[in-house]
C-alpha atoms as a PDB file:
ATOM      1  CA  MET A   1      52.784 105.003 123.515  1.00  0.00           C
ATOM      2  CA  SER A   2      56.413 105.466 122.660  1.00  0.00           C
ATOM      3  CA  ALA A   3      59.435 103.206 122.275  1.00  0.00           C
ATOM      4  CA  ARG A   4      62.960 103.246 123.666  1.00  0.00           C
ATOM      5  CA  ARG A   5      66.018 101.101 123.092  1.00  0.00           C
ATOM      6  CA  TYR A   6      68.355 100.563 126.037  1.00  0.00           C
ATOM      7  CA  VAL A   7      71.814  99.021 126.088  1.00  0.00           C
ATOM      8  CA  VAL A   8      72.808  97.921 129.567  1.00  0.00           C
ATOM      9  CA  SER A   9      76.494  97.346 130.289  1.00  0.00           C
ATOM     10  CA  GLY A  10      78.407  95.833 133.197  1.00  0.00           C
ATOM     11  CA  ARG A  11      78.106  92.326 134.632  1.00  0.00           C
ATOM     12  CA  VAL A  12      74.713  91.722 133.035  1.00  0.00           C
ATOM     13  CA  GLN A  13      75.072  88.343 131.317  1.00  0.00           C
ATOM     14  CA  GLY A  14      74.974  85.055 133.199  1.00  0.00           C
ATOM     15  CA  VAL A  15      73.223  86.683 136.171  1.00  0.00           C
ATOM     16  CA  GLY A  16      69.546  86.297 135.219  1.00  0.00           C
ATOM     17  CA  PHE A  17      69.286  89.795 133.786  1.00  0.00           C
ATOM     18  CA  ARG A  18      67.031  88.872 130.854  1.00  0.00           C
ATOM     19  CA  ASN A  19      64.614  86.999 133.119  1.00  0.00           C
ATOM     20  CA  PHE A  20      64.654  89.958 135.506  1.00  0.00           C
ATOM     21  CA  VAL A  21      63.776  92.357 132.674  1.00  0.00           C
ATOM     22  CA  GLU A  22      61.012  90.066 131.391  1.00  0.00           C
ATOM     23  CA  HIS A  23      59.516  89.931 134.907  1.00  0.00           C
ATOM     24  CA  VAL A  24      59.705  93.711 135.415  1.00  0.00           C
ATOM     25  CA  ALA A  25      58.238  94.394 131.965  1.00  0.00           C
ATOM     26  CA  GLY A  26      55.302  92.100 132.702  1.00  0.00           C
ATOM     27  CA  LYS A  27      54.740  93.707 136.080  1.00  0.00           C
ATOM     28  CA  ILE A  28      54.627  97.264 134.719  1.00  0.00           C
ATOM     29  CA  GLY A  29      52.953  96.411 131.397  1.00  0.00           C
ATOM     30  CA  VAL A  30      55.773  97.171 128.945  1.00  0.00           C
ATOM     31  CA  ASP A  31      55.928  95.431 125.556  1.00  0.00           C
ATOM     32  CA  GLY A  32      59.075  94.583 123.576  1.00  0.00           C
ATOM     33  CA  PHE A  33      62.054  92.295 124.003  1.00  0.00           C
ATOM     34  CA  VAL A  34      65.331  91.742 125.799  1.00  0.00           C
ATOM     35  CA  ARG A  35      68.404  89.998 124.387  1.00  0.00           C
ATOM     36  CA  ASN A  36      72.088  89.498 125.076  1.00  0.00           C
ATOM     37  CA  ARG A  37      74.608  91.111 122.764  1.00  0.00           C
ATOM     38  CA  ARG A  38      77.894  89.518 121.805  1.00  0.00           C
ATOM     39  CA  ASP A  39      79.825  92.396 123.391  1.00  0.00           C
ATOM     40  CA  GLY A  40      78.558  91.336 126.854  1.00  0.00           C
ATOM     41  CA  SER A  41      75.841  93.975 127.133  1.00  0.00           C
ATOM     42  CA  VAL A  42      72.075  93.463 127.169  1.00  0.00           C
ATOM     43  CA  GLU A  43      69.716  95.218 124.754  1.00  0.00           C
ATOM     44  CA  VAL A  44      66.147  96.078 125.731  1.00  0.00           C
ATOM     45  CA  TYR A  45      63.537  97.362 123.278  1.00  0.00           C
ATOM     46  CA  ALA A  46      60.496  98.665 125.139  1.00  0.00           C
ATOM     47  CA  ILE A  47      57.117 100.121 124.208  1.00  0.00           C
ATOM     48  CA  GLY A  48      55.013 101.882 126.815  1.00  0.00           C
ATOM     49  CA  THR A  49      53.892 105.137 128.343  1.00  0.00           C
ATOM     50  CA  HIS A  50      56.373 107.688 129.633  1.00  0.00           C
ATOM     51  CA  GLU A  51      55.712 106.504 133.196  1.00  0.00           C
ATOM     52  CA  GLN A  52      56.168 102.822 132.302  1.00  0.00           C
ATOM     53  CA  LEU A  53      59.426 103.498 130.455  1.00  0.00           C
ATOM     54  CA  THR A  54      60.718 105.597 133.358  1.00  0.00           C
ATOM     55  CA  SER A  55      59.961 102.706 135.743  1.00  0.00           C
ATOM     56  CA  LEU A  56      61.712 100.264 133.421  1.00  0.00           C
ATOM     57  CA  ARG A  57      64.786 102.510 133.167  1.00  0.00           C
ATOM     58  CA  THR A  58      64.996 102.676 136.968  1.00  0.00           C
ATOM     59  CA  ALA A  59      64.834  98.872 137.162  1.00  0.00           C
ATOM     60  CA  LEU A  60      67.492  98.487 134.447  1.00  0.00           C
ATOM     61  CA  GLU A  61      69.856 100.744 136.371  1.00  0.00           C
ATOM     62  CA  LYS A  62      69.584  98.418 139.399  1.00  0.00           C
ATOM     63  CA  GLY A  63      69.240  94.986 137.792  1.00  0.00           C
ATOM     64  CA  PRO A  64      68.934  91.725 139.736  1.00  0.00           C
ATOM     65  CA  LEU A  65      70.907  91.314 142.952  1.00  0.00           C
ATOM     66  CA  ILE A  66      73.960  89.561 141.477  1.00  0.00           C
ATOM     67  CA  ALA A  67      74.295  91.872 138.472  1.00  0.00           C
ATOM     68  CA  HIS A  68      76.465  94.983 138.392  1.00  0.00           C
ATOM     69  CA  VAL A  69      75.159  97.653 136.028  1.00  0.00           C
ATOM     70  CA  SER A  70      77.835 100.127 134.969  1.00  0.00           C
ATOM     71  CA  GLY A  71      75.737 102.052 132.460  1.00  0.00           C
ATOM     72  CA  VAL A  72      72.436 102.321 130.606  1.00  0.00           C
ATOM     73  CA  LEU A  73      72.388 103.983 127.203  1.00  0.00           C
ATOM     74  CA  GLU A  74      68.926 105.072 126.074  1.00  0.00           C
ATOM     75  CA  GLU A  75      67.672 106.195 122.695  1.00  0.00           C
ATOM     76  CA  LEU A  76      64.286 107.011 121.240  1.00  0.00           C
ATOM     77  CA  ASP A  77      62.974 104.412 118.796  1.00  0.00           C
ATOM     78  CA  SER A  78      59.856 103.907 116.699  1.00  0.00           C
ATOM     79  CA  VAL A  79      57.020 101.639 117.780  1.00  0.00           C
ATOM     80  CA  ASP A  80      57.348  98.245 116.088  1.00  0.00           C
ATOM     81  CA  ASN A  81      53.868  96.716 115.991  1.00  0.00           C
ATOM     82  CA  ARG A  82      55.339  93.183 115.976  1.00  0.00           C
ATOM     83  CA  TYR A  83      56.032  93.593 119.697  1.00  0.00           C
ATOM     84  CA  VAL A  84      52.804  95.285 120.787  1.00  0.00           C
ATOM     85  CA  GLY A  85      51.042  93.057 123.310  1.00  0.00           C
ATOM     86  CA  THR A  86      54.046  90.890 124.194  1.00  0.00           C
ATOM     87  CA  PHE A  87      57.456  90.934 125.861  1.00  0.00           C
ATOM     88  CA  THR A  88      59.952  88.241 124.901  1.00  0.00           C
ATOM     89  CA  ILE A  89      63.468  87.051 125.536  1.00  0.00           C
ATOM     90  CA  GLU A  90      65.239  86.842 122.167  1.00  0.00           C
ATOM     91  CA  ILE A  91      68.460  85.245 120.978  1.00  0.00           C
ATOM     92  CA  THR A  92      71.867  86.918 121.159  1.00  0.00           C
ATOM     93  CA  ILE A  93      72.813  89.426 118.454  1.00  0.00           C
ATOM     94  CA  GLU A  94      76.023  91.149 117.462  1.00  0.00           C
END
């Protein structure tokens, strides 16, 4: 298991993006969270296998139908055991 942090930019707030990510994460078995950021982007912290994280990244690049993703930044992160076994929608951060 490994962890990644993604920051998705574009028209990604107010279009159901967090619900979309929660659904995809549940479908592919990824743990972590998704939350809006005050700058208009969406942050995703994900824990999973290489294959699961690759599938998630592909989904983030597309987003839900009414979203427009202009970029996905990805960085390696450490596994935070607080999120193992769950995927949640969290409150907005800075």
